[in-house]
Amino acid sequence: MKNLGISIYPEKSTDAELFDYIDMAKEVGFKRIFSCLLSAKESKEQIIKRFSNIIGYANEKGFETIVDVNPSVLKNLGVDSNDLSFFKDIKASGFRLDAGYSGYEEAMMTYNNYNLKVEINMSNDTRYIDTIMDHRPNRYNLIGCHNFYPHKHSGLPLDYFEKCTHNFKKHGLNTAAFVTSQNENAFGPWPIGNQIPTLEMHRYMPIEVQLKHMIALDIIDDVIISNSFVTKEEFKKIKNMRLDMVSFEVILENDITEIEKIILLDEIHFRRGDICDTVIRSTKNSRDKYKNRSFPVHNACKNIKRGDIIIESDEYGNYKGELEIALEDFENSGKSNVVGRIREEEIFILDYIKPNQKFNFILSKD
């Protein structure tokens, strides 16, 4: 994953509120902004004046801003595929086509005079993006972004989301999707619902768990928070989060040894390529690296539960020191030390850790 983003809705916020929000996001490490013209009611001149002021401020802070439009909005603004100067006037980095044209127009737009990004709606499983690619666009100015869904039960199912995303990934295009703040006062462009995710399964998840799931899926380049405003507490949970691998939050057992703690918290792990169904096995930076250390039996509880973290004891011979994460419940042999447990809200992410995929552990903040 490359970048994190926020969303701003100028028609529902003051400039001062947006400047403060941009400053907060900058401090956390965010680099993208999504905004929307689909619900804008002002005149073209008013939009240029307001948006150029806000986006100009964001540009000074190092953000890239993409605004959401469709052919109807562009027509009302007097913008066509041959003259995209409006977006330069509002100081945007590009625009997202919530609905598009025939494919030819989109391809031609990527050769605009202002080096604007043209972002395509990813949330439909059609040959639309293939048609655009058939017209030989400037692929360096062509990117994709999913929809978000304010109405409960209207978000994308995971399998469909993955299928639609791969339609873009096969062309090597940058992809983006939305997660949602759980702030009860958050809002989007439409007066429906507080949570507005891309994936329906994310609707009520903590924001950091949604983000970790996106990281585990490893098909989305940029993740944008769809609603405003993210709380300071949510920003705090995201700040310093690794975007290149999943960092599972863990609760340690009280009797964990020092060497087990080092393996758990100081090492980068990866799932072995020769996978099994019962556990995720990490060998290289646990068993192999610490093969000369001793791992006495100390917390070999009778039943191991899905989400438990295991480090094999000396009783397992060559397997001693191997770190494993239980994918299902099973009975302990009496030789396996349970050293911690993954935070309950994150256990489902285990199902998305693929062969050779990297991950690490951090202490739970709860």
Protein backbone atom coordinates (compact mmCIF):
# COMPACT_ATOMS: atom_id res chain seq x y z
CA MET A 1 0.00 0.00 0.00
CA LYS A 2 1.30 3.44 -0.90
CA ASN A 3 -0.86 6.26 0.43
CA LEU A 4 -3.62 7.11 2.90
CA GLY A 5 -6.26 9.71 2.20
CA ILE A 6 -9.03 11.75 3.79
CA SER A 7 -12.25 13.14 2.33
CA ILE A 8 -13.43 16.73 2.58
CA TYR A 9 -16.85 18.20 1.80
CA PRO A 10 -16.56 22.02 1.57
CA GLU A 11 -20.33 22.56 1.31
CA LYS A 12 -20.68 21.08 4.81
CA SER A 13 -17.58 22.55 6.46
CA THR A 14 -15.89 25.87 7.04
CA ASP A 15 -12.46 26.67 5.62
CA ALA A 16 -11.03 26.82 9.14
CA GLU A 17 -12.36 23.33 9.95
CA LEU A 18 -10.91 21.93 6.74
CA PHE A 19 -7.52 23.56 7.25
CA ASP A 20 -7.32 22.09 10.76
CA TYR A 21 -8.35 18.68 9.43
CA ILE A 22 -5.76 18.79 6.66
CA ASP A 23 -3.11 19.71 9.23
CA MET A 24 -4.11 16.76 11.43
CA ALA A 25 -4.00 14.36 8.49
CA LYS A 26 -0.63 15.69 7.40
CA GLU A 27 0.81 15.01 10.85
CA VAL A 28 -0.39 11.40 10.68
CA GLY A 29 1.19 10.91 7.25
CA PHE A 30 -1.78 11.17 4.88
CA LYS A 31 -1.09 12.25 1.28
CA ARG A 32 -4.38 12.10 -0.63
CA ILE A 33 -7.66 14.02 -0.50
CA PHE A 34 -10.97 13.03 -2.04
CA SER A 35 -13.62 15.69 -2.57
CA CYS A 36 -16.94 15.73 -4.36
CA LEU A 37 -18.65 18.02 -6.87
CA LEU A 38 -21.65 15.74 -7.40
CA SER A 39 -23.57 17.54 -4.67
CA ALA A 40 -22.23 21.07 -5.30
CA LYS A 41 -24.95 23.69 -5.85
CA GLU A 42 -22.84 26.84 -6.30
CA SER A 43 -21.99 28.55 -9.56
CA LYS A 44 -18.82 27.68 -11.44
CA GLU A 45 -17.17 30.91 -10.29
CA GLN A 46 -18.09 30.26 -6.65
CA ILE A 47 -16.78 26.69 -6.85
CA ILE A 48 -13.48 27.84 -8.33
CA LYS A 49 -13.03 30.49 -5.64
CA ARG A 50 -13.83 28.17 -2.72
CA PHE A 51 -12.16 24.99 -3.92
CA SER A 52 -8.99 26.70 -5.15
CA ASN A 53 -8.52 28.22 -1.69
CA ILE A 54 -8.96 24.89 0.11
CA ILE A 55 -7.10 22.72 -2.41
CA GLY A 56 -4.36 25.33 -2.66
CA TYR A 57 -3.82 25.02 1.09
CA ALA A 58 -3.73 21.21 0.78
CA ASN A 59 -1.21 21.46 -2.06
CA GLU A 60 1.09 23.48 0.17
CA LYS A 61 0.93 20.62 2.68
CA GLY A 62 1.91 18.06 0.05
CA PHE A 63 -1.50 16.53 -0.68
CA GLU A 64 -2.87 15.32 -4.00
CA THR A 65 -6.59 16.15 -4.38
CA ILE A 66 -9.00 14.30 -6.68
CA VAL A 67 -12.58 15.61 -7.08
CA ASP A 68 -15.55 13.42 -7.95
CA VAL A 69 -17.59 14.37 -11.04
CA ASN A 70 -19.72 12.80 -13.77
CA PRO A 71 -20.63 13.84 -17.33
CA SER A 72 -23.73 15.69 -16.14
CA VAL A 73 -21.76 17.75 -13.62
CA LEU A 74 -19.10 18.52 -16.21
CA LYS A 75 -21.74 19.62 -18.70
CA ASN A 76 -23.32 21.95 -16.12
CA LEU A 77 -19.89 23.44 -15.43
CA GLY A 78 -19.15 23.90 -19.12
CA VAL A 79 -16.28 21.40 -18.99
CA ASP A 80 -15.63 18.93 -21.79
CA SER A 81 -12.94 16.43 -22.67
CA ASN A 82 -11.13 18.98 -24.83
CA ASP A 83 -10.81 21.65 -22.15
CA LEU A 84 -10.06 20.56 -18.57
CA SER A 85 -8.75 23.93 -17.40
CA PHE A 86 -11.48 24.04 -14.74
CA PHE A 87 -9.58 21.47 -12.69
CA LYS A 88 -6.39 23.48 -13.01
CA ASP A 89 -8.36 26.54 -11.84
CA ILE A 90 -9.48 24.77 -8.65
CA LYS A 91 -5.87 23.50 -8.22
CA ALA A 92 -6.89 19.82 -8.23
CA SER A 93 -4.47 17.04 -9.14
CA GLY A 94 -7.19 15.28 -11.10
CA PHE A 95 -10.79 14.19 -11.22
CA ARG A 96 -12.74 10.98 -10.66
CA LEU A 97 -15.42 9.97 -13.15
CA ASP A 98 -18.19 8.44 -11.08
CA ALA A 99 -19.83 7.68 -14.42
CA GLY A 100 -18.01 7.83 -17.72
CA TYR A 101 -18.18 8.09 -21.47
CA SER A 102 -17.44 5.62 -24.27
CA GLY A 103 -13.80 4.93 -23.42
CA TYR A 104 -12.38 7.09 -26.21
CA GLU A 105 -13.08 10.31 -24.30
CA GLU A 106 -11.47 8.98 -21.12
CA ALA A 107 -8.36 7.95 -23.03
CA MET A 108 -8.08 11.37 -24.69
CA MET A 109 -8.52 13.11 -21.31
CA THR A 110 -5.35 11.46 -20.04
CA TYR A 111 -3.38 13.51 -22.58
CA ASN A 112 -4.60 16.80 -21.09
CA ASN A 113 -2.35 19.87 -21.02
CA TYR A 114 -2.23 20.04 -17.21
CA ASN A 115 -0.97 16.55 -16.37
CA LEU A 116 -4.22 15.87 -14.51
CA LYS A 117 -4.97 12.37 -13.25
CA VAL A 118 -8.13 10.76 -14.67
CA GLU A 119 -9.59 8.39 -12.08
CA ILE A 120 -12.05 5.70 -13.18
CA ASN A 121 -14.84 4.13 -11.10
CA MET A 122 -13.69 0.59 -10.25
CA SER A 123 -16.88 -0.81 -8.69
CA ASN A 124 -18.39 -2.48 -11.77
CA ASP A 125 -17.36 -5.80 -13.27
CA THR A 126 -17.49 -4.77 -16.93
CA ARG A 127 -15.02 -4.32 -19.79
CA TYR A 128 -15.13 -0.55 -19.34
CA ILE A 129 -11.49 -0.23 -18.30
CA ASP A 130 -10.45 -2.62 -21.10
CA THR A 131 -12.21 -0.37 -23.61
CA ILE A 132 -10.33 2.66 -22.29
CA MET A 133 -7.07 0.74 -22.54
CA ASP A 134 -7.94 -0.27 -26.12
CA HIS A 135 -7.83 3.45 -26.95
CA ARG A 136 -4.22 3.69 -25.72
CA PRO A 137 -4.48 6.22 -22.88
CA ASN A 138 -1.53 7.85 -21.17
CA ARG A 139 -1.43 5.17 -18.48
CA TYR A 140 0.64 7.43 -16.20
CA ASN A 141 -2.37 9.72 -15.86
CA LEU A 142 -4.94 6.92 -15.51
CA ILE A 143 -5.89 5.57 -12.07
CA GLY A 144 -8.84 3.78 -10.48
CA CYS A 145 -10.97 4.17 -7.34
CA HIS A 146 -13.91 2.21 -5.96
CA ASN A 147 -17.21 3.73 -4.82
CA PHE A 148 -18.33 4.14 -1.24
CA TYR A 149 -21.81 3.19 -0.01
CA PRO A 150 -23.75 5.23 2.59
CA HIS A 151 -26.83 2.97 2.66
CA LYS A 152 -26.62 0.00 5.01
CA HIS A 153 -26.33 -3.34 3.15
CA SER A 154 -25.40 -1.61 -0.14
CA GLY A 155 -21.60 -2.03 0.07
CA LEU A 156 -19.65 -4.43 -2.12
CA PRO A 157 -19.19 -8.09 -1.15
CA LEU A 158 -15.55 -9.08 -0.86
CA ASP A 159 -15.39 -11.52 -3.78
CA TYR A 160 -16.94 -8.97 -6.16
CA PHE A 161 -14.63 -6.25 -4.84
CA GLU A 162 -11.61 -8.43 -5.57
CA LYS A 163 -12.85 -9.29 -9.06
CA CYS A 164 -13.47 -5.64 -9.97
CA THR A 165 -10.09 -4.64 -8.55
CA HIS A 166 -8.23 -7.22 -10.60
CA ASN A 167 -9.79 -5.75 -13.75
CA PHE A 168 -7.61 -2.70 -13.04
CA LYS A 169 -4.59 -4.44 -11.52
CA LYS A 170 -4.06 -6.52 -14.66
CA HIS A 171 -3.33 -3.25 -16.49
CA GLY A 172 -0.87 -2.11 -13.83
CA LEU A 173 -3.07 0.82 -12.77
CA ASN A 174 -3.03 2.45 -9.34
CA THR A 175 -6.06 1.37 -7.29
CA ALA A 176 -7.92 3.02 -4.40
CA ALA A 177 -10.82 2.17 -2.10
CA PHE A 178 -12.59 3.63 0.91
CA VAL A 179 -12.80 2.78 4.58
CA THR A 180 -15.02 4.56 7.06
CA SER A 181 -14.61 6.43 10.31
CA GLN A 182 -16.83 5.24 13.15
CA ASN A 183 -17.28 8.80 14.43
CA GLU A 184 -21.03 9.07 15.12
CA ASN A 185 -20.95 12.67 13.93
CA ALA A 186 -19.12 11.93 10.68
CA PHE A 187 -20.76 12.76 7.36
CA GLY A 188 -20.35 12.30 3.62
CA PRO A 189 -21.80 14.09 0.61
CA TRP A 190 -25.26 12.53 1.02
CA PRO A 191 -27.58 12.70 4.08
CA ILE A 192 -27.72 8.91 4.49
CA GLY A 193 -25.86 7.05 7.22
CA ASN A 194 -22.67 7.83 9.12
CA GLN A 195 -20.60 4.91 7.87
CA ILE A 196 -19.75 4.90 4.16
CA PRO A 197 -17.31 2.07 3.28
CA THR A 198 -16.54 0.38 0.00
CA LEU A 199 -16.83 -3.10 1.52
CA GLU A 200 -20.05 -3.89 3.37
CA MET A 201 -18.17 -6.11 5.83
CA HIS A 202 -16.23 -3.01 6.98
CA ARG A 203 -19.27 -0.89 7.88
CA TYR A 204 -19.00 -1.21 11.67
CA MET A 205 -15.38 -2.29 12.09
CA PRO A 206 -12.82 -0.11 13.90
CA ILE A 207 -11.03 2.00 11.31
CA GLU A 208 -7.59 0.51 11.99
CA VAL A 209 -8.98 -3.02 11.50
CA GLN A 210 -10.48 -2.03 8.14
CA LEU A 211 -7.10 -0.66 7.11
CA LYS A 212 -5.26 -3.81 8.18
CA HIS A 213 -7.69 -5.90 6.16
CA MET A 214 -6.97 -3.78 3.09
CA ILE A 215 -3.24 -4.25 3.68
CA ALA A 216 -3.70 -8.02 3.96
CA LEU A 217 -5.67 -8.16 0.71
CA ASP A 218 -2.67 -6.52 -1.00
CA ILE A 219 -4.58 -5.33 -4.09
CA ILE A 220 -5.34 -1.71 -3.14
CA ASP A 221 -2.63 0.95 -3.44
CA ASP A 222 -4.35 3.90 -1.74
CA VAL A 223 -6.93 3.76 1.06
CA ILE A 224 -9.13 6.80 1.65
CA ILE A 225 -11.33 7.52 4.65
CA SER A 226 -14.67 8.39 3.10
CA ASN A 227 -16.38 10.45 5.77
CA SER A 228 -15.48 13.57 7.74
CA PHE A 229 -14.25 14.03 10.31
CA VAL A 230 -11.96 11.29 11.60
CA THR A 231 -11.57 11.58 15.38
CA LYS A 232 -8.24 12.30 17.04
CA GLU A 233 -8.47 8.87 18.66
CA GLU A 234 -8.85 7.19 15.26
CA PHE A 235 -5.95 9.16 13.84
CA LYS A 236 -3.87 8.06 16.82
CA LYS A 237 -4.62 4.39 16.06
CA ILE A 238 -3.52 4.85 12.45
CA LYS A 239 -0.43 6.96 13.08
CA ASN A 240 2.81 5.03 12.56
CA MET A 241 0.91 1.98 11.26
CA ARG A 242 2.95 -0.03 8.77
CA LEU A 243 1.40 0.01 5.31
CA ASP A 244 3.66 -2.68 3.85
CA MET A 245 2.45 -5.53 6.06
CA VAL A 246 -0.22 -6.39 8.61
CA SER A 247 0.76 -5.58 12.20
CA PHE A 248 -1.41 -7.82 14.36
CA GLU A 249 -2.21 -6.46 17.81
CA VAL A 250 -1.48 -9.11 20.43
CA ILE A 251 -2.17 -9.71 24.10
CA LEU A 252 0.79 -11.50 25.68
CA GLU A 253 0.58 -14.32 28.19
CA ASN A 254 1.88 -13.36 31.63
CA ASP A 255 4.58 -16.06 31.68
CA ILE A 256 6.06 -15.37 28.24
CA THR A 257 9.85 -15.72 28.28
CA GLU A 258 12.26 -13.04 27.14
CA ILE A 259 13.34 -14.96 24.02
CA GLU A 260 9.70 -15.64 23.11
CA LYS A 261 8.94 -11.94 23.52
CA ILE A 262 11.84 -11.06 21.22
CA ILE A 263 10.59 -13.48 18.55
CA LEU A 264 7.07 -12.14 18.87
CA LEU A 265 7.69 -8.38 18.91
CA ASP A 266 11.09 -7.80 17.30
CA GLU A 267 10.97 -10.05 14.25
CA ILE A 268 9.28 -9.78 10.85
CA HIS A 269 7.45 -13.01 10.09
CA PHE A 270 6.08 -14.57 6.93
CA ARG A 271 3.81 -17.50 6.23
CA ARG A 272 5.66 -20.50 4.83
CA GLY A 273 5.02 -21.19 1.17
CA ASP A 274 4.07 -24.81 1.87
CA ILE A 275 0.94 -23.84 3.77
CA CYS A 276 -1.35 -25.93 5.96
CA ASP A 277 -4.94 -25.40 7.09
CA THR A 278 -4.48 -25.59 10.86
CA VAL A 279 -1.80 -22.96 11.53
CA ILE A 280 0.19 -20.19 9.89
CA ARG A 281 3.82 -21.24 10.25
CA SER A 282 6.72 -18.78 10.51
CA THR A 283 10.06 -20.54 10.46
CA LYS A 284 12.93 -18.40 9.17
CA ASN A 285 13.02 -15.66 11.83
CA SER A 286 11.99 -17.84 14.75
CA ARG A 287 12.95 -21.52 14.48
CA ASP A 288 16.00 -21.11 12.23
CA LYS A 289 17.38 -17.93 13.76
CA TYR A 290 17.02 -19.08 17.36
CA LYS A 291 17.74 -22.80 16.96
CA ASN A 292 20.47 -22.65 19.63
CA ARG A 293 18.19 -21.16 22.29
CA SER A 294 16.16 -23.14 24.79
CA PHE A 295 12.34 -23.13 24.83
CA PRO A 296 11.14 -25.00 27.90
CA VAL A 297 7.49 -26.04 28.18
CA HIS A 298 5.56 -23.52 30.28
CA ASN A 299 2.08 -22.73 28.97
CA ALA A 300 1.03 -25.83 27.07
CA CYS A 301 -2.70 -25.41 27.72
CA LYS A 302 -4.92 -28.34 26.74
CA ASN A 303 -6.93 -26.58 24.03
CA ILE A 304 -5.57 -24.14 21.48
CA LYS A 305 -8.06 -21.63 20.06
CA ARG A 306 -8.16 -19.89 16.69
CA GLY A 307 -6.08 -16.70 17.05
CA ASP A 308 -3.68 -18.14 19.64
CA ILE A 309 0.03 -17.59 18.99
CA ILE A 310 2.27 -20.58 19.61
CA ILE A 311 6.02 -21.00 19.95
CA GLU A 312 7.09 -24.63 19.91
CA SER A 313 9.03 -25.90 22.93
CA ASP A 314 12.24 -27.96 23.16
CA GLU A 315 10.02 -31.05 23.26
CA TYR A 316 9.39 -30.62 19.52
CA GLY A 317 13.04 -31.15 18.59
CA ASN A 318 13.91 -29.49 15.30
CA TYR A 319 10.65 -27.51 15.43
CA LYS A 320 11.58 -25.73 18.67
CA GLY A 321 11.25 -21.94 18.40
CA GLU A 322 8.86 -22.10 15.44
CA LEU A 323 6.12 -19.48 15.66
CA GLU A 324 2.62 -20.48 14.64
CA ILE A 325 -0.80 -18.84 14.65
CA ALA A 326 -3.81 -21.10 15.07
CA LEU A 327 -6.31 -20.91 12.21
CA GLU A 328 -8.74 -23.26 13.95
CA ASP A 329 -9.30 -24.84 17.36
CA PHE A 330 -7.36 -28.01 18.14
CA GLU A 331 -6.02 -30.01 21.07
CA ASN A 332 -2.51 -29.21 22.26
CA SER A 333 0.03 -32.04 22.12
CA GLY A 334 1.39 -30.82 25.44
CA LYS A 335 4.53 -29.55 23.74
CA SER A 336 3.32 -26.20 22.33
CA ASN A 337 3.66 -22.98 24.34
CA VAL A 338 0.82 -20.48 23.88
CA VAL A 339 2.58 -17.11 24.23
CA GLY A 340 -0.15 -14.67 23.21
CA ARG A 341 -3.38 -14.07 21.38
CA ILE A 342 -4.35 -11.83 18.48
CA ARG A 343 -6.88 -9.11 19.25
CA GLU A 344 -10.36 -10.54 18.67
CA GLU A 345 -11.39 -7.93 16.05
CA GLU A 346 -8.37 -8.84 13.91
CA ILE A 347 -8.55 -12.63 13.95
CA PHE A 348 -10.57 -12.75 10.71
CA ILE A 349 -7.62 -11.15 8.87
CA LEU A 350 -5.68 -14.40 9.33
CA ASP A 351 -7.75 -15.87 6.49
CA TYR A 352 -6.19 -13.37 4.07
CA ILE A 353 -2.51 -13.99 4.86
CA LYS A 354 -1.16 -15.67 1.74
CA PRO A 355 1.90 -17.92 1.26
CA ASN A 356 5.13 -15.96 1.82
CA GLN A 357 3.17 -12.85 2.91
CA LYS A 358 4.90 -10.82 5.61
CA PHE A 359 3.39 -9.77 8.95
CA ASN A 360 4.50 -8.68 12.41
CA PHE A 361 3.09 -8.18 15.89
CA ILE A 362 2.61 -5.17 18.12
CA LEU A 363 1.35 -4.96 21.68
CA SER A 364 -2.37 -4.36 21.95
CA LYS A 365 -3.32 -0.77 22.81
CA ASP A 366 -6.40 -1.94 24.74
